Amino acid sequence: MHSTLIVARMDVESSAQVARLFSEFDDSEMPHRMGTRRRQLFSYKGLYFHLQDFDGDNGGELIEDAKNDPRFVQISQDLKPFIEPYDPATWRSPADAMGTRFYNWTA
């Protein structure tokens, strides 16, 4: 399984709106198109964590293919008022906000 973790900034009061946007997005066929198996959103002291698990090891490739889909473009636009880059000086795409896994354990 491939996983990504995006770290950004978010006011905790925006969590309901962000959850609603993702709920609507996840009710479409987009998660299946991208190979998304699970999405989890977390907040902690003004930080936003978006953990996404994908089938197999090709999650990044499937997301690249989906980036131009109008639904992907729309949710990206809809999230802008709520989610801010962790480091605006270096952010160009979500890839610039992805954590690097340095340990993994599975039962």
PDB file of N, CA and C in Angstrom:
ATOM      1  N   MET A   1       0.845  -1.173   0.000  1.00  0.00           N
ATOM      2  CA  MET A   1       0.000   0.000   0.000  1.00  0.00           C
ATOM      3  C   MET A   1       0.895   1.243   0.000  1.00  0.00           C
ATOM      4  N   HIS A   2       0.517   2.220  -0.793  1.00  0.00           N
ATOM      5  CA  HIS A   2       1.217   3.503  -0.858  1.00  0.00           C
ATOM      6  C   HIS A   2       0.441   4.508  -0.006  1.00  0.00           C
ATOM      7  N   SER A   3       1.141   5.299   0.793  1.00  0.00           N
ATOM      8  CA  SER A   3       0.501   6.322   1.623  1.00  0.00           C
ATOM      9  C   SER A   3       1.166   7.659   1.395  1.00  0.00           C
ATOM     10  N   THR A   4       0.371   8.721   1.511  1.00  0.00           N
ATOM     11  CA  THR A   4       0.921  10.074   1.496  1.00  0.00           C
ATOM     12  C   THR A   4       0.374  10.819   2.706  1.00  0.00           C
ATOM     13  N   LEU A   5       1.177  11.733   3.213  1.00  0.00           N
ATOM     14  CA  LEU A   5       0.766  12.584   4.320  1.00  0.00           C
ATOM     15  C   LEU A   5       1.080  14.020   3.930  1.00  0.00           C
ATOM     16  N   ILE A   6       0.036  14.823   3.783  1.00  0.00           N
ATOM     17  CA  ILE A   6       0.195  16.234   3.467  1.00  0.00           C
ATOM     18  C   ILE A   6       0.032  17.025   4.755  1.00  0.00           C
ATOM     19  N   VAL A   7       0.952  17.961   4.987  1.00  0.00           N
ATOM     20  CA  VAL A   7       0.921  18.818   6.161  1.00  0.00           C
ATOM     21  C   VAL A   7       0.699  20.249   5.693  1.00  0.00           C
ATOM     22  N   ALA A   8      -0.277  20.909   6.307  1.00  0.00           N
ATOM     23  CA  ALA A   8      -0.583  22.294   5.957  1.00  0.00           C
ATOM     24  C   ALA A   8      -1.075  23.002   7.213  1.00  0.00           C
ATOM     25  N   ARG A   9      -1.613  24.188   7.024  1.00  0.00           N
ATOM     26  CA  ARG A   9      -2.173  24.956   8.142  1.00  0.00           C
ATOM     27  C   ARG A   9      -3.669  25.104   7.942  1.00  0.00           C
ATOM     28  N   MET A  10      -4.411  25.006   9.055  1.00  0.00           N
ATOM     29  CA  MET A  10      -5.859  25.120   8.999  1.00  0.00           C
ATOM     30  C   MET A  10      -6.380  25.575  10.359  1.00  0.00           C
ATOM     31  N   ASP A  11      -7.291  26.510  10.346  1.00  0.00           N
ATOM     32  CA  ASP A  11      -7.987  26.901  11.566  1.00  0.00           C
ATOM     33  C   ASP A  11      -8.926  25.751  11.930  1.00  0.00           C
ATOM     34  N   VAL A  12      -8.853  25.264  13.159  1.00  0.00           N
ATOM     35  CA  VAL A  12      -9.665  24.115  13.575  1.00  0.00           C
ATOM     36  C   VAL A  12     -11.159  24.373  13.364  1.00  0.00           C
ATOM     37  N   GLU A  13     -11.573  25.628  13.375  1.00  0.00           N
ATOM     38  CA  GLU A  13     -12.985  25.946  13.151  1.00  0.00           C
ATOM     39  C   GLU A  13     -13.419  25.652  11.717  1.00  0.00           C
ATOM     40  N   SER A  14     -12.484  25.433  10.824  1.00  0.00           N
ATOM     41  CA  SER A  14     -12.791  25.111   9.427  1.00  0.00           C
ATOM     42  C   SER A  14     -12.950  23.610   9.207  1.00  0.00           C
ATOM     43  N   SER A  15     -12.714  22.806  10.223  1.00  0.00           N
ATOM     44  CA  SER A  15     -12.696  21.354  10.028  1.00  0.00           C
ATOM     45  C   SER A  15     -14.020  20.808   9.499  1.00  0.00           C
ATOM     46  N   ALA A  16     -15.137  21.339   9.927  1.00  0.00           N
ATOM     47  CA  ALA A  16     -16.431  20.839   9.438  1.00  0.00           C
ATOM     48  C   ALA A  16     -16.598  21.122   7.945  1.00  0.00           C
ATOM     49  N   GLN A  17     -16.205  22.313   7.500  1.00  0.00           N
ATOM     50  CA  GLN A  17     -16.317  22.645   6.073  1.00  0.00           C
ATOM     51  C   GLN A  17     -15.387  21.766   5.236  1.00  0.00           C
ATOM     52  N   VAL A  18     -14.165  21.567   5.710  1.00  0.00           N
ATOM     53  CA  VAL A  18     -13.207  20.739   4.987  1.00  0.00           C
ATOM     54  C   VAL A  18     -13.703  19.294   4.926  1.00  0.00           C
ATOM     55  N   ALA A  19     -14.221  18.782   6.028  1.00  0.00           N
ATOM     56  CA  ALA A  19     -14.760  17.420   6.049  1.00  0.00           C
ATOM     57  C   ALA A  19     -15.931  17.288   5.074  1.00  0.00           C
ATOM     58  N   ARG A  20     -16.784  18.298   5.010  1.00  0.00           N
ATOM     59  CA  ARG A  20     -17.925  18.255   4.084  1.00  0.00           C
ATOM     60  C   ARG A  20     -17.437  18.215   2.639  1.00  0.00           C
ATOM     61  N   LEU A  21     -16.457  19.045   2.305  1.00  0.00           N
ATOM     62  CA  LEU A  21     -15.924  19.059   0.936  1.00  0.00           C
ATOM     63  C   LEU A  21     -15.354  17.692   0.556  1.00  0.00           C
ATOM     64  N   PHE A  22     -14.584  17.091   1.456  1.00  0.00           N
ATOM     65  CA  PHE A  22     -14.028  15.779   1.152  1.00  0.00           C
ATOM     66  C   PHE A  22     -15.103  14.694   1.134  1.00  0.00           C
ATOM     67  N   SER A  23     -16.102  14.812   1.967  1.00  0.00           N
ATOM     68  CA  SER A  23     -17.185  13.831   1.955  1.00  0.00           C
ATOM     69  C   SER A  23     -17.880  13.832   0.593  1.00  0.00           C
ATOM     70  N   GLU A  24     -18.159  15.014   0.064  1.00  0.00           N
ATOM     71  CA  GLU A  24     -18.796  15.116  -1.255  1.00  0.00           C
ATOM     72  C   GLU A  24     -17.867  14.573  -2.338  1.00  0.00           C
ATOM     73  N   PHE A  25     -16.586  14.900  -2.262  1.00  0.00           N
ATOM     74  CA  PHE A  25     -15.605  14.410  -3.229  1.00  0.00           C
ATOM     75  C   PHE A  25     -15.496  12.886  -3.161  1.00  0.00           C
ATOM     76  N   ASP A  26     -15.457  12.352  -1.940  1.00  0.00           N
ATOM     77  CA  ASP A  26     -15.300  10.912  -1.763  1.00  0.00           C
ATOM     78  C   ASP A  26     -16.555  10.127  -2.123  1.00  0.00           C
ATOM     79  N   ASP A  27     -17.702  10.799  -2.207  1.00  0.00           N
ATOM     80  CA  ASP A  27     -18.930  10.139  -2.654  1.00  0.00           C
ATOM     81  C   ASP A  27     -18.974   9.984  -4.166  1.00  0.00           C
ATOM     82  N   SER A  28     -18.045  10.629  -4.874  1.00  0.00           N
ATOM     83  CA  SER A  28     -17.964  10.488  -6.329  1.00  0.00           C
ATOM     84  C   SER A  28     -17.062   9.289  -6.663  1.00  0.00           C
ATOM     85  N   GLU A  29     -16.830   9.060  -7.939  1.00  0.00           N
ATOM     86  CA  GLU A  29     -15.928   7.976  -8.335  1.00  0.00           C
ATOM     87  C   GLU A  29     -14.461   8.395  -8.307  1.00  0.00           C
ATOM     88  N   MET A  30     -14.177   9.655  -7.933  1.00  0.00           N
ATOM     89  CA  MET A  30     -12.796  10.142  -7.935  1.00  0.00           C
ATOM     90  C   MET A  30     -11.848   9.320  -7.054  1.00  0.00           C
ATOM     91  N   PRO A  31     -12.224   8.953  -5.833  1.00  0.00           N
ATOM     92  CA  PRO A  31     -11.282   8.146  -5.046  1.00  0.00           C
ATOM     93  C   PRO A  31     -10.911   6.839  -5.753  1.00  0.00           C
ATOM     94  N   HIS A  32     -11.885   6.235  -6.407  1.00  0.00           N
ATOM     95  CA  HIS A  32     -11.615   4.979  -7.116  1.00  0.00           C
ATOM     96  C   HIS A  32     -10.691   5.233  -8.308  1.00  0.00           C
ATOM     97  N   ARG A  33     -10.920   6.347  -8.996  1.00  0.00           N
ATOM     98  CA  ARG A  33     -10.065   6.702 -10.137  1.00  0.00           C
ATOM     99  C   ARG A  33      -8.616   6.905  -9.700  1.00  0.00           C
ATOM    100  N   MET A  34      -8.441   7.477  -8.501  1.00  0.00           N
ATOM    101  CA  MET A  34      -7.103   7.753  -7.992  1.00  0.00           C
ATOM    102  C   MET A  34      -6.513   6.565  -7.231  1.00  0.00           C
ATOM    103  N   GLY A  35      -7.302   5.504  -7.020  1.00  0.00           N
ATOM    104  CA  GLY A  35      -6.820   4.349  -6.274  1.00  0.00           C
ATOM    105  C   GLY A  35      -6.825   4.556  -4.777  1.00  0.00           C
ATOM    106  N   THR A  36      -7.589   5.546  -4.310  1.00  0.00           N
ATOM    107  CA  THR A  36      -7.636   5.844  -2.879  1.00  0.00           C
ATOM    108  C   THR A  36      -8.383   4.747  -2.145  1.00  0.00           C
ATOM    109  N   ARG A  37      -7.743   4.186  -1.159  1.00  0.00           N
ATOM    110  CA  ARG A  37      -8.363   3.159  -0.327  1.00  0.00           C
ATOM    111  C   ARG A  37      -8.936   3.784   0.954  1.00  0.00           C
ATOM    112  N   ARG A  38      -8.209   4.784   1.487  1.00  0.00           N
ATOM    113  CA  ARG A  38      -8.654   5.415   2.736  1.00  0.00           C
ATOM    114  C   ARG A  38      -8.103   6.833   2.791  1.00  0.00           C
ATOM    115  N   ARG A  39      -8.918   7.745   3.331  1.00  0.00           N
ATOM    116  CA  ARG A  39      -8.497   9.125   3.567  1.00  0.00           C
ATOM    117  C   ARG A  39      -8.816   9.452   5.022  1.00  0.00           C
ATOM    118  N   GLN A  40      -7.844  10.038   5.711  1.00  0.00           N
ATOM    119  CA  GLN A  40      -8.055  10.480   7.084  1.00  0.00           C
ATOM    120  C   GLN A  40      -7.546  11.907   7.201  1.00  0.00           C
ATOM    121  N   LEU A  41      -8.325  12.754   7.864  1.00  0.00           N
ATOM    122  CA  LEU A  41      -7.939  14.142   8.080  1.00  0.00           C
ATOM    123  C   LEU A  41      -7.784  14.370   9.577  1.00  0.00           C
ATOM    124  N   PHE A  42      -6.702  15.047   9.948  1.00  0.00           N
ATOM    125  CA  PHE A  42      -6.419  15.340  11.348  1.00  0.00           C
ATOM    126  C   PHE A  42      -6.083  16.814  11.487  1.00  0.00           C
ATOM    127  N   SER A  43      -6.323  17.350  12.663  1.00  0.00           N
ATOM    128  CA  SER A  43      -5.856  18.701  12.968  1.00  0.00           C
ATOM    129  C   SER A  43      -5.193  18.679  14.335  1.00  0.00           C
ATOM    130  N   TYR A  44      -4.213  19.570  14.479  1.00  0.00           N
ATOM    131  CA  TYR A  44      -3.500  19.685  15.751  1.00  0.00           C
ATOM    132  C   TYR A  44      -2.883  21.074  15.828  1.00  0.00           C
ATOM    133  N   LYS A  45      -3.383  21.878  16.752  1.00  0.00           N
ATOM    134  CA  LYS A  45      -2.821  23.208  17.032  1.00  0.00           C
ATOM    135  C   LYS A  45      -2.536  24.025  15.767  1.00  0.00           C
ATOM    136  N   GLY A  46      -3.560  24.130  14.926  1.00  0.00           N
ATOM    137  CA  GLY A  46      -3.426  24.939  13.722  1.00  0.00           C
ATOM    138  C   GLY A  46      -2.809  24.225  12.537  1.00  0.00           C
ATOM    139  N   LEU A  47      -2.478  22.957  12.712  1.00  0.00           N
ATOM    140  CA  LEU A  47      -1.933  22.176  11.610  1.00  0.00           C
ATOM    141  C   LEU A  47      -2.982  21.228  11.066  1.00  0.00           C
ATOM    142  N   TYR A  48      -2.871  20.918   9.808  1.00  0.00           N
ATOM    143  CA  TYR A  48      -3.777  20.035   9.077  1.00  0.00           C
ATOM    144  C   TYR A  48      -2.942  18.879   8.548  1.00  0.00           C
ATOM    145  N   PHE A  49      -3.420  17.664   8.759  1.00  0.00           N
ATOM    146  CA  PHE A  49      -2.746  16.463   8.283  1.00  0.00           C
ATOM    147  C   PHE A  49      -3.735  15.668   7.436  1.00  0.00           C
ATOM    148  N   HIS A  50      -3.333  15.358   6.235  1.00  0.00           N
ATOM    149  CA  HIS A  50      -4.182  14.636   5.289  1.00  0.00           C
ATOM    150  C   HIS A  50      -3.456  13.345   4.935  1.00  0.00           C
ATOM    151  N   LEU A  51      -3.910  12.249   5.535  1.00  0.00           N
ATOM    152  CA  LEU A  51      -3.311  10.937   5.305  1.00  0.00           C
ATOM    153  C   LEU A  51      -4.173  10.194   4.298  1.00  0.00           C
ATOM    154  N   GLN A  52      -3.532   9.755   3.226  1.00  0.00           N
ATOM    155  CA  GLN A  52      -4.265   9.069   2.168  1.00  0.00           C
ATOM    156  C   GLN A  52      -3.538   7.776   1.837  1.00  0.00           C
ATOM    157  N   ASP A  53      -4.277   6.673   1.825  1.00  0.00           N
ATOM    158  CA  ASP A  53      -3.726   5.366   1.491  1.00  0.00           C
ATOM    159  C   ASP A  53      -4.259   4.947   0.128  1.00  0.00           C
ATOM    160  N   PHE A  54      -3.378   4.329  -0.666  1.00  0.00           N
ATOM    161  CA  PHE A  54      -3.722   3.934  -2.021  1.00  0.00           C
ATOM    162  C   PHE A  54      -3.504   2.443  -2.213  1.00  0.00           C
ATOM    163  N   ASP A  55      -4.254   1.873  -3.139  1.00  0.00           N
ATOM    164  CA  ASP A  55      -4.022   0.490  -3.542  1.00  0.00           C
ATOM    165  C   ASP A  55      -2.662   0.402  -4.215  1.00  0.00           C
ATOM    166  N   GLY A  56      -1.920  -0.614  -3.903  1.00  0.00           N
ATOM    167  CA  GLY A  56      -0.637  -0.831  -4.559  1.00  0.00           C
ATOM    168  C   GLY A  56       0.373   0.267  -4.278  1.00  0.00           C
ATOM    169  N   ASP A  57       1.344   0.383  -5.151  1.00  0.00           N
ATOM    170  CA  ASP A  57       2.406   1.366  -4.972  1.00  0.00           C
ATOM    171  C   ASP A  57       2.357   2.474  -6.010  1.00  0.00           C
ATOM    172  N   ASN A  58       1.253   2.594  -6.747  1.00  0.00           N
ATOM    173  CA  ASN A  58       1.204   3.573  -7.829  1.00  0.00           C
ATOM    174  C   ASN A  58       0.264   4.735  -7.552  1.00  0.00           C
ATOM    175  N   GLY A  59       0.004   5.033  -6.288  1.00  0.00           N
ATOM    176  CA  GLY A  59      -0.903   6.120  -5.942  1.00  0.00           C
ATOM    177  C   GLY A  59      -0.502   7.451  -6.542  1.00  0.00           C
ATOM    178  N   GLY A  60       0.781   7.749  -6.515  1.00  0.00           N
ATOM    179  CA  GLY A  60       1.254   9.014  -7.062  1.00  0.00           C
ATOM    180  C   GLY A  60       0.965   9.141  -8.547  1.00  0.00           C
ATOM    181  N   GLU A  61       1.136   8.064  -9.292  1.00  0.00           N
ATOM    182  CA  GLU A  61       0.877   8.080 -10.728  1.00  0.00           C
ATOM    183  C   GLU A  61      -0.596   8.303 -11.019  1.00  0.00           C
ATOM    184  N   LEU A  62      -1.458   7.657 -10.273  1.00  0.00           N
ATOM    185  CA  LEU A  62      -2.901   7.811 -10.499  1.00  0.00           C
ATOM    186  C   LEU A  62      -3.362   9.225 -10.172  1.00  0.00           C
ATOM    187  N   ILE A  63      -2.801   9.824  -9.125  1.00  0.00           N
ATOM    188  CA  ILE A  63      -3.156  11.211  -8.788  1.00  0.00           C
ATOM    189  C   ILE A  63      -2.709  12.144  -9.900  1.00  0.00           C
ATOM    190  N   GLU A  64      -1.513  11.933 -10.422  1.00  0.00           N
ATOM    191  CA  GLU A  64      -1.031  12.766 -11.529  1.00  0.00           C
ATOM    192  C   GLU A  64      -2.001  12.695 -12.695  1.00  0.00           C
ATOM    193  N   ASP A  65      -2.508  11.506 -12.976  1.00  0.00           N
ATOM    194  CA  ASP A  65      -3.459  11.336 -14.077  1.00  0.00           C
ATOM    195  C   ASP A  65      -4.782  12.044 -13.799  1.00  0.00           C
ATOM    196  N   ALA A  66      -5.162  12.144 -12.520  1.00  0.00           N
ATOM    197  CA  ALA A  66      -6.460  12.729 -12.155  1.00  0.00           C
ATOM    198  C   ALA A  66      -6.404  14.239 -11.958  1.00  0.00           C
ATOM    199  N   LYS A  67      -5.223  14.824 -11.895  1.00  0.00           N
ATOM    200  CA  LYS A  67      -5.087  16.249 -11.567  1.00  0.00           C
ATOM    201  C   LYS A  67      -5.860  17.187 -12.489  1.00  0.00           C
ATOM    202  N   ASN A  68      -6.059  16.801 -13.717  1.00  0.00           N
ATOM    203  CA  ASN A  68      -6.759  17.667 -14.662  1.00  0.00           C
ATOM    204  C   ASN A  68      -8.260  17.420 -14.704  1.00  0.00           C
ATOM    205  N   ASP A  69      -8.730  16.440 -13.955  1.00  0.00           N
ATOM    206  CA  ASP A  69     -10.165  16.185 -13.890  1.00  0.00           C
ATOM    207  C   ASP A  69     -10.846  17.387 -13.241  1.00  0.00           C
ATOM    208  N   PRO A  70     -11.947  17.882 -13.815  1.00  0.00           N
ATOM    209  CA  PRO A  70     -12.624  19.061 -13.246  1.00  0.00           C
ATOM    210  C   PRO A  70     -12.996  18.912 -11.768  1.00  0.00           C
ATOM    211  N   ARG A  71     -13.296  17.709 -11.315  1.00  0.00           N
ATOM    212  CA  ARG A  71     -13.651  17.501  -9.902  1.00  0.00           C
ATOM    213  C   ARG A  71     -12.440  17.675  -9.001  1.00  0.00           C
ATOM    214  N   PHE A  72     -11.266  17.247  -9.466  1.00  0.00           N
ATOM    215  CA  PHE A  72     -10.030  17.433  -8.705  1.00  0.00           C
ATOM    216  C   PHE A  72      -9.682  18.919  -8.645  1.00  0.00           C
ATOM    217  N   VAL A  73      -9.793  19.587  -9.781  1.00  0.00           N
ATOM    218  CA  VAL A  73      -9.526  21.025  -9.846  1.00  0.00           C
ATOM    219  C   VAL A  73     -10.487  21.770  -8.929  1.00  0.00           C
ATOM    220  N   GLN A  74     -11.772  21.365  -8.932  1.00  0.00           N
ATOM    221  CA  GLN A  74     -12.788  22.046  -8.123  1.00  0.00           C
ATOM    222  C   GLN A  74     -12.527  21.899  -6.630  1.00  0.00           C
ATOM    223  N   ILE A  75     -12.211  20.699  -6.158  1.00  0.00           N
ATOM    224  CA  ILE A  75     -11.982  20.554  -4.715  1.00  0.00           C
ATOM    225  C   ILE A  75     -10.729  21.325  -4.296  1.00  0.00           C
ATOM    226  N   SER A  76      -9.743  21.379  -5.168  1.00  0.00           N
ATOM    227  CA  SER A  76      -8.545  22.165  -4.853  1.00  0.00           C
ATOM    228  C   SER A  76      -8.909  23.633  -4.664  1.00  0.00           C
ATOM    229  N   GLN A  77      -9.768  24.150  -5.528  1.00  0.00           N
ATOM    230  CA  GLN A  77     -10.221  25.540  -5.412  1.00  0.00           C
ATOM    231  C   GLN A  77     -11.075  25.733  -4.158  1.00  0.00           C
ATOM    232  N   ASP A  78     -11.974  24.788  -3.903  1.00  0.00           N
ATOM    233  CA  ASP A  78     -12.886  24.896  -2.759  1.00  0.00           C
ATOM    234  C   ASP A  78     -12.145  24.867  -1.423  1.00  0.00           C
ATOM    235  N   LEU A  79     -11.007  24.199  -1.373  1.00  0.00           N
ATOM    236  CA  LEU A  79     -10.244  24.089  -0.128  1.00  0.00           C
ATOM    237  C   LEU A  79      -9.375  25.311   0.160  1.00  0.00           C
ATOM    238  N   LYS A  80      -9.090  26.116  -0.850  1.00  0.00           N
ATOM    239  CA  LYS A  80      -8.169  27.250  -0.678  1.00  0.00           C
ATOM    240  C   LYS A  80      -8.530  28.198   0.463  1.00  0.00           C
ATOM    241  N   PRO A  81      -9.825  28.506   0.699  1.00  0.00           N
ATOM    242  CA  PRO A  81     -10.123  29.406   1.823  1.00  0.00           C
ATOM    243  C   PRO A  81      -9.829  28.799   3.201  1.00  0.00           C
ATOM    244  N   PHE A  82      -9.678  27.474   3.265  1.00  0.00           N
ATOM    245  CA  PHE A  82      -9.544  26.789   4.547  1.00  0.00           C
ATOM    246  C   PHE A  82      -8.147  26.231   4.815  1.00  0.00           C
ATOM    247  N   ILE A  83      -7.450  25.826   3.771  1.00  0.00           N
ATOM    248  CA  ILE A  83      -6.153  25.170   3.914  1.00  0.00           C
ATOM    249  C   ILE A  83      -5.072  26.088   3.356  1.00  0.00           C
ATOM    250  N   GLU A  84      -4.056  26.356   4.165  1.00  0.00           N
ATOM    251  CA  GLU A  84      -2.938  27.192   3.735  1.00  0.00           C
ATOM    252  C   GLU A  84      -1.668  26.352   3.733  1.00  0.00           C
ATOM    253  N   PRO A  85      -0.749  26.626   2.825  1.00  0.00           N
ATOM    254  CA  PRO A  85       0.514  25.882   2.820  1.00  0.00           C
ATOM    255  C   PRO A  85       1.243  26.023   4.152  1.00  0.00           C
ATOM    256  N   TYR A  86       1.918  24.970   4.545  1.00  0.00           N
ATOM    257  CA  TYR A  86       2.722  25.020   5.764  1.00  0.00           C
ATOM    258  C   TYR A  86       3.832  26.051   5.603  1.00  0.00           C
ATOM    259  N   ASP A  87       4.480  26.037   4.444  1.00  0.00           N
ATOM    260  CA  ASP A  87       5.545  26.997   4.152  1.00  0.00           C
ATOM    261  C   ASP A  87       5.249  27.629   2.786  1.00  0.00           C
ATOM    262  N   PRO A  88       4.540  28.754   2.767  1.00  0.00           N
ATOM    263  CA  PRO A  88       4.152  29.365   1.494  1.00  0.00           C
ATOM    264  C   PRO A  88       5.336  29.707   0.590  1.00  0.00           C
ATOM    265  N   ALA A  89       6.502  29.933   1.155  1.00  0.00           N
ATOM    266  CA  ALA A  89       7.664  30.300   0.348  1.00  0.00           C
ATOM    267  C   ALA A  89       8.152  29.149  -0.532  1.00  0.00           C
ATOM    268  N   THR A  90       7.887  27.909  -0.125  1.00  0.00           N
ATOM    269  CA  THR A  90       8.384  26.762  -0.881  1.00  0.00           C
ATOM    270  C   THR A  90       7.276  25.955  -1.548  1.00  0.00           C
ATOM    271  N   TRP A  91       6.002  26.307  -1.296  1.00  0.00           N
ATOM    272  CA  TRP A  91       4.890  25.503  -1.804  1.00  0.00           C
ATOM    273  C   TRP A  91       4.578  25.826  -3.255  1.00  0.00           C
ATOM    274  N   ARG A  92       4.590  24.786  -4.101  1.00  0.00           N
ATOM    275  CA  ARG A  92       4.169  24.905  -5.489  1.00  0.00           C
ATOM    276  C   ARG A  92       3.060  23.910  -5.798  1.00  0.00           C
ATOM    277  N   SER A  93       3.038  22.792  -5.075  1.00  0.00           N
ATOM    278  CA  SER A  93       2.019  21.757  -5.255  1.00  0.00           C
ATOM    279  C   SER A  93       1.955  20.938  -3.970  1.00  0.00           C
ATOM    280  N   PRO A  94       0.944  20.076  -3.832  1.00  0.00           N
ATOM    281  CA  PRO A  94       0.872  19.239  -2.625  1.00  0.00           C
ATOM    282  C   PRO A  94       2.137  18.416  -2.379  1.00  0.00           C
ATOM    283  N   ALA A  95       2.867  18.095  -3.433  1.00  0.00           N
ATOM    284  CA  ALA A  95       4.104  17.328  -3.250  1.00  0.00           C
ATOM    285  C   ALA A  95       5.102  18.077  -2.372  1.00  0.00           C
ATOM    286  N   ASP A  96       5.023  19.415  -2.357  1.00  0.00           N
ATOM    287  CA  ASP A  96       5.931  20.215  -1.534  1.00  0.00           C
ATOM    288  C   ASP A  96       5.540  20.218  -0.063  1.00  0.00           C
ATOM    289  N   ALA A  97       4.417  19.606   0.270  1.00  0.00           N
ATOM    290  CA  ALA A  97       3.939  19.571   1.651  1.00  0.00           C
ATOM    291  C   ALA A  97       3.821  18.140   2.176  1.00  0.00           C
ATOM    292  N   MET A  98       4.380  17.181   1.449  1.00  0.00           N
ATOM    293  CA  MET A  98       4.255  15.780   1.846  1.00  0.00           C
ATOM    294  C   MET A  98       5.374  15.382   2.790  1.00  0.00           C
ATOM    295  N   GLY A  99       4.950  14.718   3.856  1.00  0.00           N
ATOM    296  CA  GLY A  99       5.914  14.184   4.798  1.00  0.00           C
ATOM    297  C   GLY A  99       6.664  13.006   4.194  1.00  0.00           C
ATOM    298  N   THR A 100       7.812  12.715   4.744  1.00  0.00           N
ATOM    299  CA  THR A 100       8.621  11.593   4.306  1.00  0.00           C
ATOM    300  C   THR A 100       8.550  10.505   5.366  1.00  0.00           C
ATOM    301  N   ARG A 101       8.100   9.339   4.963  1.00  0.00           N
ATOM    302  CA  ARG A 101       8.020   8.222   5.910  1.00  0.00           C
ATOM    303  C   ARG A 101       9.422   7.754   6.228  1.00  0.00           C
ATOM    304  N   PHE A 102       9.729   7.629   7.508  1.00  0.00           N
ATOM    305  CA  PHE A 102      11.043   7.133   7.885  1.00  0.00           C
ATOM    306  C   PHE A 102      10.971   5.877   8.742  1.00  0.00           C
ATOM    307  N   TYR A 103       9.735   5.397   9.006  1.00  0.00           N
ATOM    308  CA  TYR A 103       9.562   4.138   9.725  1.00  0.00           C
ATOM    309  C   TYR A 103       8.175   3.599   9.417  1.00  0.00           C
ATOM    310  N   ASN A 104       8.075   2.302   9.253  1.00  0.00           N
ATOM    311  CA  ASN A 104       6.785   1.673   9.005  1.00  0.00           C
ATOM    312  C   ASN A 104       6.783   0.292   9.640  1.00  0.00           C
ATOM    313  N   TRP A 105       5.705  -0.042  10.286  1.00  0.00           N
ATOM    314  CA  TRP A 105       5.523  -1.376  10.860  1.00  0.00           C
ATOM    315  C   TRP A 105       4.132  -1.843  10.533  1.00  0.00           C
ATOM    316  N   THR A 106       3.989  -3.093  10.141  1.00  0.00           N
ATOM    317  CA  THR A 106       2.685  -3.685   9.853  1.00  0.00           C
ATOM    318  C   THR A 106       2.603  -5.037  10.522  1.00  0.00           C
ATOM    319  N   ALA A 107       1.460  -5.308  11.140  1.00  0.00           N
ATOM    320  CA  ALA A 107       1.262  -6.620  11.786  1.00  0.00           C
ATOM    321  C   ALA A 107       1.066  -7.693  10.753  1.00  0.00           C
TER     322      ALA A 107
END
